N, C-alpha and C. Protein backbone atom coordinates (compact mmCIF):
# COMPACT_ATOMS: atom_id res chain seq x y z
N ARG A 1 4.18 210.49 69.23
CA ARG A 1 5.54 209.99 69.27
C ARG A 1 5.75 209.08 68.07
N PRO A 2 6.84 209.25 67.34
CA PRO A 2 7.10 208.38 66.20
C PRO A 2 7.26 206.93 66.62
N ARG A 3 6.91 206.02 65.74
CA ARG A 3 6.99 204.59 66.06
C ARG A 3 8.41 204.14 66.35
N SER A 4 9.40 204.80 65.79
CA SER A 4 10.79 204.37 65.97
C SER A 4 11.35 204.75 67.34
N CYS A 5 10.64 205.54 68.12
CA CYS A 5 11.14 205.98 69.43
C CYS A 5 11.00 204.88 70.46
N ARG A 6 12.08 204.62 71.16
CA ARG A 6 12.05 203.71 72.30
C ARG A 6 11.74 204.54 73.54
N PRO A 7 11.19 203.92 74.59
CA PRO A 7 10.88 204.70 75.79
C PRO A 7 12.08 205.42 76.39
N SER A 8 13.28 204.86 76.23
CA SER A 8 14.46 205.48 76.83
C SER A 8 15.10 206.52 75.92
N SER A 9 14.59 206.70 74.72
CA SER A 9 15.22 207.60 73.77
C SER A 9 14.85 209.05 74.05
N SER A 10 15.44 209.93 73.26
CA SER A 10 15.19 211.35 73.45
C SER A 10 13.79 211.77 73.02
N CYS A 11 12.99 210.83 72.52
CA CYS A 11 11.62 211.15 72.11
C CYS A 11 10.70 211.33 73.32
N THR A 12 11.10 210.82 74.49
CA THR A 12 10.28 211.00 75.68
C THR A 12 10.53 212.40 76.23
N THR A 13 9.59 212.90 77.01
CA THR A 13 9.76 214.23 77.58
C THR A 13 10.85 214.20 78.64
N SER A 14 11.53 215.30 78.81
CA SER A 14 12.65 215.39 79.73
C SER A 14 12.24 215.08 81.17
N SER A 15 11.12 215.65 81.61
CA SER A 15 10.70 215.44 83.00
C SER A 15 10.29 214.00 83.23
N HIS A 16 9.68 213.35 82.25
CA HIS A 16 9.29 211.95 82.38
C HIS A 16 10.52 211.07 82.49
N ARG A 17 11.55 211.35 81.69
CA ARG A 17 12.78 210.57 81.70
C ARG A 17 13.49 210.72 83.04
N VAL A 18 13.54 211.94 83.58
CA VAL A 18 14.19 212.16 84.88
C VAL A 18 13.47 211.37 85.96
N THR A 19 12.17 211.39 85.96
CA THR A 19 11.40 210.64 86.96
C THR A 19 11.70 209.15 86.85
N GLN A 20 11.77 208.62 85.64
CA GLN A 20 12.09 207.21 85.45
C GLN A 20 13.47 206.90 86.00
N ASP A 21 14.45 207.76 85.73
CA ASP A 21 15.81 207.53 86.20
C ASP A 21 15.89 207.59 87.72
N GLU A 22 15.22 208.57 88.32
CA GLU A 22 15.23 208.68 89.78
C GLU A 22 14.55 207.47 90.41
N ASN A 23 13.42 207.06 89.87
CA ASN A 23 12.72 205.89 90.40
C ASN A 23 13.57 204.63 90.26
N GLY A 24 14.20 204.46 89.11
CA GLY A 24 15.06 203.30 88.90
C GLY A 24 16.24 203.29 89.85
N SER A 25 16.81 204.46 90.11
CA SER A 25 17.93 204.56 91.04
C SER A 25 17.51 204.23 92.46
N LEU A 26 16.32 204.68 92.84
CA LEU A 26 15.81 204.37 94.18
C LEU A 26 15.55 202.88 94.32
N ILE A 27 14.98 202.26 93.31
CA ILE A 27 14.75 200.81 93.34
C ILE A 27 16.08 200.07 93.41
N PHE A 28 17.07 200.53 92.63
CA PHE A 28 18.41 199.95 92.66
C PHE A 28 18.98 199.99 94.08
N ALA A 29 18.87 201.15 94.74
CA ALA A 29 19.39 201.29 96.10
C ALA A 29 18.63 200.42 97.08
N LEU A 30 17.30 200.41 96.96
CA LEU A 30 16.49 199.58 97.87
C LEU A 30 16.80 198.10 97.71
N ALA A 31 17.13 197.68 96.49
CA ALA A 31 17.48 196.28 96.26
C ALA A 31 18.76 195.89 97.00
N HIS A 32 19.59 196.89 97.31
CA HIS A 32 20.81 196.62 98.06
C HIS A 32 20.57 196.67 99.57
N GLY A 33 19.36 197.02 99.97
CA GLY A 33 18.99 196.99 101.38
C GLY A 33 19.15 198.34 102.06
N ILE A 34 18.43 198.48 103.18
CA ILE A 34 18.54 199.68 104.00
C ILE A 34 19.70 199.42 104.98
N ASN A 35 20.86 199.87 104.61
CA ASN A 35 22.08 199.65 105.38
C ASN A 35 23.07 200.75 105.01
N PRO A 36 24.30 200.69 105.51
CA PRO A 36 25.25 201.76 105.18
C PRO A 36 25.54 201.90 103.68
N ALA A 37 25.30 200.87 102.90
CA ALA A 37 25.56 200.92 101.45
C ALA A 37 24.43 201.61 100.69
N PHE A 38 23.32 201.92 101.35
CA PHE A 38 22.16 202.48 100.67
C PHE A 38 22.49 203.78 99.93
N VAL A 39 23.15 204.71 100.61
CA VAL A 39 23.45 206.01 100.01
C VAL A 39 24.39 205.83 98.83
N THR A 40 25.41 204.99 98.99
CA THR A 40 26.34 204.72 97.89
C THR A 40 25.61 204.11 96.71
N ALA A 41 24.74 203.14 96.98
CA ALA A 41 23.98 202.49 95.90
C ALA A 41 23.07 203.49 95.20
N LEU A 42 22.49 204.42 95.95
CA LEU A 42 21.63 205.44 95.35
C LEU A 42 22.44 206.35 94.43
N VAL A 43 23.61 206.79 94.89
CA VAL A 43 24.46 207.66 94.08
C VAL A 43 24.95 206.92 92.83
N VAL A 44 25.39 205.68 92.99
CA VAL A 44 25.84 204.89 91.83
C VAL A 44 24.67 204.67 90.88
N GLY A 45 23.49 204.43 91.41
CA GLY A 45 22.30 204.27 90.56
C GLY A 45 21.99 205.53 89.77
N LEU A 46 22.12 206.69 90.41
CA LEU A 46 21.88 207.95 89.70
C LEU A 46 22.93 208.19 88.62
N ILE A 47 24.18 207.88 88.94
CA ILE A 47 25.25 208.03 87.94
C ILE A 47 25.02 207.08 86.78
N ALA A 48 24.71 205.82 87.08
CA ALA A 48 24.46 204.84 86.02
C ALA A 48 23.26 205.25 85.17
N ALA A 49 22.24 205.81 85.79
CA ALA A 49 21.06 206.26 85.04
C ALA A 49 21.41 207.41 84.12
N GLU A 50 22.24 208.32 84.59
CA GLU A 50 22.65 209.45 83.74
C GLU A 50 23.52 208.97 82.58
N VAL A 51 24.42 208.04 82.85
CA VAL A 51 25.26 207.48 81.79
C VAL A 51 24.38 206.74 80.77
N ARG A 52 23.38 206.01 81.25
CA ARG A 52 22.46 205.32 80.36
C ARG A 52 21.68 206.31 79.51
N ARG A 53 21.24 207.37 80.13
CA ARG A 53 20.47 208.38 79.40
C ARG A 53 21.33 209.02 78.30
N ARG A 54 22.55 209.37 78.63
CA ARG A 54 23.41 210.04 77.66
C ARG A 54 23.85 209.11 76.53
N SER A 55 24.06 207.84 76.84
CA SER A 55 24.55 206.91 75.83
C SER A 55 23.41 206.19 75.10
N ASP A 56 22.20 206.22 75.70
CA ASP A 56 21.05 205.48 75.17
C ASP A 56 21.32 203.99 75.11
N SER A 57 22.14 203.51 76.05
CA SER A 57 22.46 202.08 76.16
C SER A 57 22.63 201.74 77.63
N ILE A 58 22.24 200.54 77.99
CA ILE A 58 22.37 200.12 79.39
C ILE A 58 23.80 199.71 79.74
N TRP A 59 24.60 199.34 78.75
CA TRP A 59 25.92 198.77 79.03
C TRP A 59 26.90 199.71 79.71
N PRO A 60 26.97 200.99 79.37
CA PRO A 60 27.86 201.87 80.14
C PRO A 60 27.46 201.96 81.62
N GLY A 61 26.15 201.90 81.90
CA GLY A 61 25.69 201.89 83.30
C GLY A 61 26.10 200.61 84.01
N VAL A 62 26.09 199.50 83.29
CA VAL A 62 26.56 198.23 83.86
C VAL A 62 28.04 198.36 84.18
N LEU A 63 28.80 199.01 83.31
CA LEU A 63 30.22 199.21 83.56
C LEU A 63 30.45 200.07 84.80
N VAL A 64 29.62 201.10 85.00
CA VAL A 64 29.71 201.93 86.21
C VAL A 64 29.51 201.04 87.44
N HIS A 65 28.54 200.15 87.39
CA HIS A 65 28.25 199.24 88.51
C HIS A 65 29.44 198.31 88.76
N VAL A 66 30.01 197.75 87.71
CA VAL A 66 31.16 196.85 87.84
C VAL A 66 32.36 197.57 88.44
N VAL A 67 32.64 198.77 87.95
CA VAL A 67 33.77 199.54 88.48
C VAL A 67 33.55 199.88 89.95
N ASN A 68 32.33 200.27 90.31
CA ASN A 68 32.02 200.56 91.72
C ASN A 68 32.25 199.33 92.59
N ASN A 69 31.77 198.18 92.14
CA ASN A 69 31.95 196.96 92.93
C ASN A 69 33.43 196.58 93.03
N LEU A 70 34.17 196.76 91.94
CA LEU A 70 35.60 196.45 91.95
C LEU A 70 36.35 197.34 92.94
N VAL A 71 36.07 198.63 92.90
CA VAL A 71 36.71 199.56 93.83
C VAL A 71 36.36 199.20 95.28
N GLY A 72 35.10 198.89 95.53
CA GLY A 72 34.68 198.49 96.88
C GLY A 72 35.40 197.24 97.36
N GLN A 73 35.55 196.26 96.47
CA GLN A 73 36.25 195.03 96.85
C GLN A 73 37.73 195.29 97.11
N LEU A 74 38.35 196.13 96.29
CA LEU A 74 39.77 196.45 96.50
C LEU A 74 39.98 197.19 97.82
N ILE A 75 39.07 198.08 98.15
CA ILE A 75 39.16 198.79 99.44
C ILE A 75 38.98 197.81 100.59
N ALA A 76 38.03 196.90 100.46
CA ALA A 76 37.79 195.90 101.52
C ALA A 76 39.02 195.01 101.70
N LEU A 77 39.65 194.61 100.61
CA LEU A 77 40.84 193.77 100.69
C LEU A 77 42.01 194.54 101.31
N ALA A 78 42.13 195.83 101.01
CA ALA A 78 43.20 196.64 101.56
C ALA A 78 43.06 196.82 103.07
N VAL A 79 41.82 196.85 103.54
CA VAL A 79 41.56 197.04 104.98
C VAL A 79 41.88 195.76 105.75
N LEU A 80 41.66 194.62 105.12
CA LEU A 80 41.93 193.33 105.80
C LEU A 80 43.38 193.15 105.94
């Protein structure tokens, strides 16, 4: 692997990168707890991981997380 390659870059093997993304998404979901939000957190984690992979930056994935939280808060406020 060339020295300029970062672990998250396209220099890593495809299957290794997918495993990292799936594991990271599972950890993300588990950090939110085993509760009704678990499945949503897992899906958002997978989407954020894919966005991170495609952009090679963590910030678009952070934006996915912020938008998800904002939508959830707006729905919660609408229900009250």
